């Protein structure tokens, strides 16, 4: 049976929960706010399917199939400007989803309910998949979607499943074999934060403001894609917007103070990737989309297989894209081939946090807005103005 002795060896992907024939594995949250599988030993029949499906126990060659001509790298942007305003980056996933739905397939992705409930859903129409757009900085609950995906594939349906690298690896571990009609898409992940830390931050912020948060947008583009900001809407209708690097919760996230333990040694943040296609922001893009609207967002697209290449070609109906060099892609997005770094102050942060709360820990270990010096901010702003 699954027995987690080192929390760095579990991503919380849910493969073991989905594959258990007796349904005796549940997901529970630990004291730091991260989820792990818990086995009811009395009901376990020692079939070992949970261990066989676990991507952390598999050889990477079983998960990441190497193809001589891949990976290939592209910059992409939606042709439809209205749609581009509704996505966090260049909208490549929305183009992919439209192609799959139009072909009679189904799409799986993460949606955000209320403020902080993130979970995977299945959709067979565009209305059902619209809420999967935009970035969410919490770990989503995969629920029973691995099982649902298998049933769809057995019926001969084409499936596009999106998630983080570890969730794609979990799906592949659960399925145990390749399916011709399965296309996987992972998003470059910078680590997932503790839900407990977020909930404490939210509670303390609401107490300070004297009002409840009703909606949260992690990547608001109203000031432009290159000026990422959190948008918080309160129940009284008031709105607060703040640059991501200066936003107190996000600043701690960027510093790696409360990542999941497995994120700081992630096996899936490297090339070759586990998915057929990988998506990220292309911050250092210098091509033709500058004239068309760079500040509306540009996607960095990494194609890892022939299935991914075919999907990209079909998506040209909705997506403009250009080939780029590997070196440029890696310069723009280091986490494409490098896992996030855990902050050495993480244990100390959690100690202060558990004793005195988020704001107290933040005062000691987070200097919001100082991640980028004043000079660097001015230089970056100047570069953006020159591009425009």
Protein backbone atom coordinates (compact mmCIF):
# COMPACT_ATOMS: atom_id res chain seq x y z
CA UNK A 1 0.00 0.00 0.00
CA UNK A 2 1.02 3.62 -0.38
CA UNK A 3 2.98 4.74 2.67
CA UNK A 4 4.31 8.30 2.58
CA UNK A 5 7.38 8.45 4.83
CA UNK A 6 8.96 11.46 3.10
CA UNK A 7 6.53 14.18 1.98
CA UNK A 8 8.90 15.21 -0.79
CA UNK A 9 7.90 11.95 -2.49
CA UNK A 10 4.21 12.79 -2.92
CA UNK A 11 2.68 15.41 -5.22
CA UNK A 12 -0.94 14.80 -4.19
CA UNK A 13 -1.86 13.98 -7.80
CA UNK A 14 -4.60 11.52 -6.84
CA UNK A 15 -3.55 8.57 -9.03
CA UNK A 16 -3.60 6.17 -6.06
CA UNK A 17 -7.08 7.33 -5.01
CA UNK A 18 -8.49 6.82 -8.50
CA UNK A 19 -7.00 3.36 -9.03
CA UNK A 20 -7.86 1.75 -5.69
CA UNK A 21 -10.40 -1.04 -6.42
CA UNK A 22 -11.74 -0.95 -2.86
CA UNK A 23 -11.92 2.83 -2.53
CA UNK A 24 -10.04 2.72 0.74
CA UNK A 25 -7.65 5.59 -0.10
CA UNK A 26 -8.76 9.11 0.70
CA UNK A 27 -7.07 12.49 0.41
CA UNK A 28 -6.46 14.32 3.69
CA UNK A 29 -4.83 17.63 4.52
CA UNK A 30 -1.81 17.74 6.82
CA UNK A 31 -0.94 20.36 9.41
CA UNK A 32 0.86 22.54 6.86
CA UNK A 33 -2.07 22.66 4.43
CA UNK A 34 -1.03 20.06 1.82
CA UNK A 35 -2.98 16.96 0.80
CA UNK A 36 -1.73 13.37 1.01
CA UNK A 37 -3.29 9.93 0.55
CA UNK A 38 -4.49 8.04 3.61
CA UNK A 39 -5.10 4.29 3.40
CA UNK A 40 -7.67 2.39 5.45
CA UNK A 41 -5.40 -0.57 6.22
CA UNK A 42 -8.29 -2.83 7.23
CA UNK A 43 -9.91 -2.51 3.83
CA UNK A 44 -6.67 -2.79 1.81
CA UNK A 45 -6.31 -6.04 -0.17
CA UNK A 46 -2.59 -5.47 -0.91
CA UNK A 47 -3.09 -5.38 -4.68
CA UNK A 48 -0.30 -2.77 -4.91
CA UNK A 49 -2.07 -0.94 -7.75
CA UNK A 50 -1.61 2.33 -5.85
CA UNK A 51 2.15 1.87 -5.83
CA UNK A 52 2.23 0.82 -9.49
CA UNK A 53 0.30 3.93 -10.53
CA UNK A 54 2.32 6.42 -8.45
CA UNK A 55 4.37 8.65 -10.77
CA UNK A 56 6.91 9.24 -7.99
CA UNK A 57 7.71 5.52 -7.94
CA UNK A 58 8.04 5.20 -11.71
CA UNK A 59 11.11 5.55 -13.88
CA UNK A 60 10.90 8.86 -15.75
CA UNK A 61 11.35 7.06 -19.07
CA UNK A 62 7.95 5.43 -18.48
CA UNK A 63 6.34 8.85 -18.16
CA UNK A 64 8.28 11.01 -20.61
CA UNK A 65 8.58 9.37 -24.00
CA UNK A 66 11.58 10.77 -25.87
CA UNK A 67 11.16 11.67 -29.52
CA UNK A 68 14.24 12.58 -31.56
CA UNK A 69 12.64 15.58 -33.28
CA UNK A 70 11.16 17.04 -30.07
CA UNK A 71 10.83 19.26 -28.14
CA UNK A 72 9.96 22.09 -30.50
CA UNK A 73 9.30 25.63 -29.30
CA UNK A 74 6.81 28.27 -30.43
CA UNK A 75 5.39 31.66 -29.52
CA UNK A 76 1.61 31.86 -29.87
CA UNK A 77 -1.24 34.32 -29.55
CA UNK A 78 -4.99 34.02 -30.13
CA UNK A 79 -6.29 35.71 -33.25
CA UNK A 80 -9.49 36.82 -31.54
CA UNK A 81 -8.72 39.88 -29.39
CA UNK A 82 -11.89 39.53 -27.29
CA UNK A 83 -10.88 36.00 -26.31
CA UNK A 84 -7.34 37.17 -25.63
CA UNK A 85 -8.61 39.55 -22.96
CA UNK A 86 -10.25 36.62 -21.12
CA UNK A 87 -7.09 34.53 -20.71
CA UNK A 88 -3.99 34.98 -18.56
CA UNK A 89 -1.39 34.69 -21.30
CA UNK A 90 -1.53 34.19 -25.09
CA UNK A 91 -4.51 31.82 -25.02
CA UNK A 92 -2.99 28.72 -26.62
CA UNK A 93 -5.01 26.39 -24.39
CA UNK A 94 -8.26 28.03 -25.42
CA UNK A 95 -7.35 27.42 -29.07
CA UNK A 96 -6.59 23.76 -28.29
CA UNK A 97 -9.85 23.34 -26.37
CA UNK A 98 -11.94 24.75 -29.22
CA UNK A 99 -10.38 22.31 -31.70
CA UNK A 100 -11.05 19.31 -29.45
CA UNK A 101 -14.64 20.32 -28.66
CA UNK A 102 -15.44 20.99 -32.33
CA UNK A 103 -14.15 17.49 -33.16
CA UNK A 104 -16.60 15.95 -30.68
CA UNK A 105 -14.02 15.39 -27.96
CA UNK A 106 -13.91 16.32 -24.28
CA UNK A 107 -11.62 18.62 -22.31
CA UNK A 108 -10.48 18.39 -18.70
CA UNK A 109 -9.14 21.41 -16.86
CA UNK A 110 -9.10 23.24 -13.52
CA UNK A 111 -11.82 25.72 -12.55
CA UNK A 112 -12.02 28.16 -9.66
CA UNK A 113 -15.16 28.19 -7.55
CA UNK A 114 -15.75 31.12 -5.22
CA UNK A 115 -12.36 32.34 -4.01
CA UNK A 116 -10.15 29.38 -3.27
CA UNK A 117 -11.78 26.11 -4.32
CA UNK A 118 -9.89 24.80 -7.36
CA UNK A 119 -10.88 21.50 -8.92
CA UNK A 120 -10.79 19.63 -12.23
CA UNK A 121 -13.89 19.32 -14.40
CA UNK A 122 -14.90 17.51 -17.57
CA UNK A 123 -16.52 19.48 -20.39
CA UNK A 124 -17.91 18.50 -23.79
CA UNK A 125 -18.89 22.04 -24.82
CA UNK A 126 -17.20 25.44 -24.87
CA UNK A 127 -19.40 26.95 -22.17
CA UNK A 128 -18.30 24.18 -19.84
CA UNK A 129 -14.63 24.82 -20.44
CA UNK A 130 -14.59 28.63 -20.32
CA UNK A 131 -14.00 28.68 -16.57
CA UNK A 132 -10.78 26.68 -16.99
CA UNK A 133 -9.19 29.75 -18.54
CA UNK A 134 -6.91 32.01 -16.47
CA UNK A 135 -4.17 30.96 -14.07
CA UNK A 136 -4.90 29.59 -10.62
CA UNK A 137 -2.10 29.48 -8.09
CA UNK A 138 -3.54 26.73 -5.89
CA UNK A 139 -3.32 22.96 -6.31
CA UNK A 140 -6.48 21.69 -7.97
CA UNK A 141 -8.36 18.61 -6.83
CA UNK A 142 -8.28 16.03 -9.62
CA UNK A 143 -11.11 14.09 -7.96
CA UNK A 144 -12.37 11.23 -10.11
CA UNK A 145 -11.24 12.79 -13.42
CA UNK A 146 -8.60 10.12 -14.08
CA UNK A 147 -11.34 7.49 -13.96
CA UNK A 148 -13.61 9.62 -16.11
CA UNK A 149 -10.81 10.08 -18.65
CA UNK A 150 -10.32 6.33 -18.92
CA UNK A 151 -14.03 5.80 -19.52
CA UNK A 152 -14.03 8.48 -22.23
CA UNK A 153 -11.04 6.87 -23.93
CA UNK A 154 -12.70 3.45 -23.82
CA UNK A 155 -15.64 5.00 -25.67
CA UNK A 156 -13.29 6.20 -28.39
CA UNK A 157 -13.57 9.89 -27.49
CA UNK A 158 -10.66 12.26 -28.05
CA UNK A 159 -9.59 13.70 -24.70
CA UNK A 160 -7.53 16.80 -23.95
CA UNK A 161 -6.42 16.70 -20.31
CA UNK A 162 -4.63 19.72 -18.85
CA UNK A 163 -2.91 20.14 -15.51
CA UNK A 164 0.45 20.57 -13.84
CA UNK A 165 3.34 18.29 -14.77
CA UNK A 166 2.79 16.03 -11.76
CA UNK A 167 -0.95 15.74 -12.51
CA UNK A 168 -0.21 14.68 -16.09
CA UNK A 169 2.31 12.16 -14.77
CA UNK A 170 -0.33 10.95 -12.32
CA UNK A 171 -2.85 10.47 -15.11
CA UNK A 172 -0.34 8.48 -17.14
CA UNK A 173 0.57 6.41 -14.10
CA UNK A 174 -3.10 5.65 -13.50
CA UNK A 175 -3.82 4.72 -17.13
CA UNK A 176 -0.75 2.50 -17.37
CA UNK A 177 -0.52 2.70 -21.15
CA UNK A 178 -0.63 5.12 -24.05
CA UNK A 179 -3.96 5.95 -25.72
CA UNK A 180 -4.04 7.22 -29.28
CA UNK A 181 -6.90 9.61 -28.56
CA UNK A 182 -5.45 11.13 -25.39
CA UNK A 183 -3.66 14.48 -25.67
CA UNK A 184 -2.08 15.92 -22.55
CA UNK A 185 -1.20 19.53 -21.86
CA UNK A 186 0.77 20.68 -18.84
CA UNK A 187 1.33 24.20 -17.60
CA UNK A 188 4.75 25.26 -16.36
CA UNK A 189 4.39 25.30 -12.60
CA UNK A 190 6.26 27.51 -10.14
CA UNK A 191 5.18 25.33 -7.22
CA UNK A 192 1.86 25.12 -5.36
CA UNK A 193 1.31 27.07 -2.12
CA UNK A 194 -0.13 25.84 1.15
CA UNK A 195 -3.90 26.12 1.33
CA UNK A 196 -3.65 26.63 5.08
CA UNK A 197 -1.30 29.58 4.59
CA UNK A 198 -3.63 31.13 2.03
CA UNK A 199 -6.69 30.69 4.25
CA UNK A 200 -4.89 32.36 7.15
CA UNK A 201 -3.80 35.23 4.92
CA UNK A 202 -7.35 35.64 3.62
CA UNK A 203 -8.85 35.58 7.12
CA UNK A 204 -6.36 38.10 8.48
CA UNK A 205 -6.74 40.39 5.47
CA UNK A 206 -10.54 40.36 5.78
CA UNK A 207 -10.22 41.25 9.47
CA UNK A 208 -7.89 44.15 8.65
CA UNK A 209 -10.13 45.45 5.86
CA UNK A 210 -13.34 44.86 7.78
CA UNK A 211 -15.02 43.13 4.82
CA UNK A 212 -15.22 39.74 3.15
CA UNK A 213 -13.51 38.74 -0.11
CA UNK A 214 -16.00 37.47 -2.68
CA UNK A 215 -13.80 37.01 -5.75
CA UNK A 216 -10.11 36.62 -6.56
CA UNK A 217 -8.40 36.93 -9.95
CA UNK A 218 -4.75 35.91 -9.81
CA UNK A 219 -3.80 37.35 -13.18
CA UNK A 220 -5.76 40.49 -13.96
CA UNK A 221 -4.76 41.98 -17.34
CA UNK A 222 -6.57 45.32 -17.13
CA UNK A 223 -3.22 47.09 -16.69
CA UNK A 224 -1.64 44.93 -19.37
CA UNK A 225 -0.27 41.39 -19.44
CA UNK A 226 3.25 42.54 -18.52
CA UNK A 227 1.86 44.26 -15.41
CA UNK A 228 0.51 41.20 -13.61
CA UNK A 229 -1.75 42.05 -10.70
CA UNK A 230 -4.07 40.45 -8.20
CA UNK A 231 -7.66 41.65 -8.38
CA UNK A 232 -9.64 41.19 -5.17
CA UNK A 233 -13.36 41.96 -5.11
CA UNK A 234 -15.10 42.39 -1.76
CA UNK A 235 -18.71 41.62 -0.92
CA UNK A 236 -19.50 45.32 -0.70
CA UNK A 237 -18.51 45.71 -4.37
CA UNK A 238 -15.19 47.44 -3.76
CA UNK A 239 -12.17 46.27 -5.77
CA UNK A 240 -8.49 46.14 -4.89
CA UNK A 241 -5.74 45.67 -7.47
CA UNK A 242 -2.09 45.20 -6.65
CA UNK A 243 1.00 44.23 -8.64
CA UNK A 244 1.79 40.56 -8.10
CA UNK A 245 5.35 41.20 -6.90
CA UNK A 246 4.02 43.61 -4.26
CA UNK A 247 1.00 41.56 -3.22
CA UNK A 248 1.75 40.14 0.23
CA UNK A 249 0.62 36.55 -0.34
CA UNK A 250 2.08 36.28 -3.83
CA UNK A 251 5.40 37.74 -2.69
CA UNK A 252 5.75 34.88 -0.21
CA UNK A 253 4.79 32.40 -2.88
CA UNK A 254 7.43 33.76 -5.26
CA UNK A 255 10.04 33.44 -2.52
CA UNK A 256 9.25 29.73 -2.11
CA UNK A 257 8.39 30.07 1.56
CA UNK A 258 5.35 27.82 1.52
CA UNK A 259 5.60 25.50 -1.48
CA UNK A 260 4.54 21.88 -1.24
CA UNK A 261 7.63 19.83 -0.15
CA UNK A 262 7.73 17.94 -3.47
CA UNK A 263 7.86 21.19 -5.48
CA UNK A 264 11.38 22.04 -4.36
CA UNK A 265 12.68 18.81 -5.91
CA UNK A 266 10.08 18.34 -8.67
CA UNK A 267 10.83 15.47 -11.08
CA UNK A 268 8.49 16.84 -13.74
CA UNK A 269 9.89 20.35 -14.21
CA UNK A 270 12.40 19.28 -16.84
CA UNK A 271 12.77 18.38 -20.50
CA UNK A 272 11.49 16.08 -21.86
CA UNK A 273 8.13 16.97 -20.33
CA UNK A 274 5.47 14.46 -19.35
CA UNK A 275 2.78 16.04 -21.57
CA UNK A 276 2.32 16.22 -25.34
CA UNK A 277 2.40 20.00 -25.16
CA UNK A 278 3.56 22.41 -22.46
CA UNK A 279 2.37 26.00 -21.96
CA UNK A 280 3.88 29.01 -20.21
CA UNK A 281 4.15 32.79 -20.48
CA UNK A 282 6.65 34.06 -23.03
CA UNK A 283 7.88 37.13 -21.18
CA UNK A 284 10.95 37.75 -23.34
CA UNK A 285 9.22 37.52 -26.68
CA UNK A 286 10.65 39.88 -29.31
CA UNK A 287 8.75 38.91 -32.48
CA UNK A 288 5.89 40.14 -34.62
CA UNK A 289 3.21 39.99 -31.92
CA UNK A 290 4.69 43.17 -30.45
CA UNK A 291 3.04 45.19 -33.20
CA UNK A 292 -0.22 43.27 -32.87
CA UNK A 293 -0.44 43.65 -29.09
CA UNK A 294 2.35 42.23 -26.96
CA UNK A 295 0.74 43.45 -23.76
CA UNK A 296 -2.31 41.31 -24.44
CA UNK A 297 -0.17 38.23 -23.75
CA UNK A 298 2.04 35.73 -25.60
CA UNK A 299 2.15 31.99 -24.92
CA UNK A 300 5.34 29.94 -24.87
CA UNK A 301 4.41 26.60 -26.44
CA UNK A 302 6.63 23.53 -26.12
CA UNK A 303 5.60 20.64 -28.36
CA UNK A 304 6.83 17.31 -27.01
CA UNK A 305 5.28 14.71 -29.34
CA UNK A 306 3.69 14.18 -32.71
CA UNK A 307 0.25 14.36 -31.10
CA UNK A 308 1.16 17.76 -29.70
CA UNK A 309 2.47 18.88 -33.09
CA UNK A 310 -0.74 17.84 -34.82
CA UNK A 311 -2.85 19.68 -32.24
CA UNK A 312 -0.84 22.85 -32.76
CA UNK A 313 -1.23 22.66 -36.55
CA UNK A 314 -5.00 22.22 -36.24
CA UNK A 315 -5.15 25.13 -33.80
CA UNK A 316 -3.89 27.55 -36.44
CA UNK A 317 -7.59 28.21 -37.08
CA UNK A 318 -7.60 30.21 -33.83
CA UNK A 319 -3.93 30.69 -32.99
CA UNK A 320 -1.04 32.49 -34.65
CA UNK A 321 2.35 31.02 -33.84
CA UNK A 322 6.02 31.31 -34.76
CA UNK A 323 8.89 28.89 -34.31
CA UNK A 324 11.51 29.97 -31.76
CA UNK A 325 14.88 28.68 -30.63
CA UNK A 326 15.33 26.44 -27.60
CA UNK A 327 17.78 28.85 -25.95
CA UNK A 328 15.29 31.71 -26.16
CA UNK A 329 12.52 29.56 -24.69
CA UNK A 330 14.65 28.51 -21.71
CA UNK A 331 15.81 32.06 -21.10
CA UNK A 332 12.21 33.22 -20.95
CA UNK A 333 10.99 30.40 -18.70
CA UNK A 334 13.59 28.70 -16.52
CA UNK A 335 11.01 26.41 -14.89
CA UNK A 336 10.49 24.75 -18.25
CA UNK A 337 13.63 22.78 -17.42
CA UNK A 338 14.34 23.62 -13.78
CA UNK A 339 12.28 22.98 -10.66
CA UNK A 340 11.40 25.81 -8.23
CA UNK A 341 13.77 26.49 -5.36
CA UNK A 342 12.58 26.04 -1.81
CA UNK A 343 13.52 28.92 0.44
CA UNK A 344 15.89 27.89 3.27
CA UNK A 345 13.74 30.02 5.59
CA UNK A 346 10.69 27.83 4.91
CA UNK A 347 10.84 25.96 8.28
CA UNK A 348 11.28 29.24 10.15
CA UNK A 349 8.43 30.85 8.24
CA UNK A 350 6.07 27.99 9.15
CA UNK A 351 7.16 28.18 12.79
CA UNK A 352 6.32 31.87 13.08
CA UNK A 353 3.20 31.37 10.98
CA UNK A 354 1.87 28.58 13.23
CA UNK A 355 2.51 30.68 16.33
CA UNK A 356 1.49 34.15 15.24
CA UNK A 357 -0.25 34.01 11.84
CA UNK A 358 0.52 35.11 8.30
CA UNK A 359 1.14 38.82 8.71
CA UNK A 360 3.58 38.20 11.56
CA UNK A 361 5.53 35.69 9.48
CA UNK A 362 5.38 38.03 6.48
CA UNK A 363 6.88 40.90 8.46
CA UNK A 364 9.84 38.71 9.31
CA UNK A 365 10.46 36.81 6.07
CA UNK A 366 8.74 38.68 3.23
CA UNK A 367 9.53 42.12 1.92
CA UNK A 368 6.72 42.54 -0.59
CA UNK A 369 7.80 44.43 -3.64
CA UNK A 370 11.52 44.15 -2.91
CA UNK A 371 11.95 41.04 -5.04
CA UNK A 372 12.57 43.46 -7.89
CA UNK A 373 14.69 46.45 -7.01
CA UNK A 374 13.57 49.94 -7.96
CA UNK A 375 16.21 50.11 -10.67
CA UNK A 376 15.16 46.76 -12.13
CA UNK A 377 11.52 47.82 -12.15
CA UNK A 378 12.36 51.02 -13.99
CA UNK A 379 14.47 49.12 -16.54
CA UNK A 380 11.72 46.58 -17.12
CA UNK A 381 9.09 49.28 -17.55
CA UNK A 382 11.34 51.10 -20.00
CA UNK A 383 11.83 47.94 -22.06
CA UNK A 384 8.10 47.36 -22.21
CA UNK A 385 7.47 50.95 -23.37
CA UNK A 386 10.12 50.56 -26.07
CA UNK A 387 8.45 47.34 -27.28
CA UNK A 388 5.10 49.07 -27.48
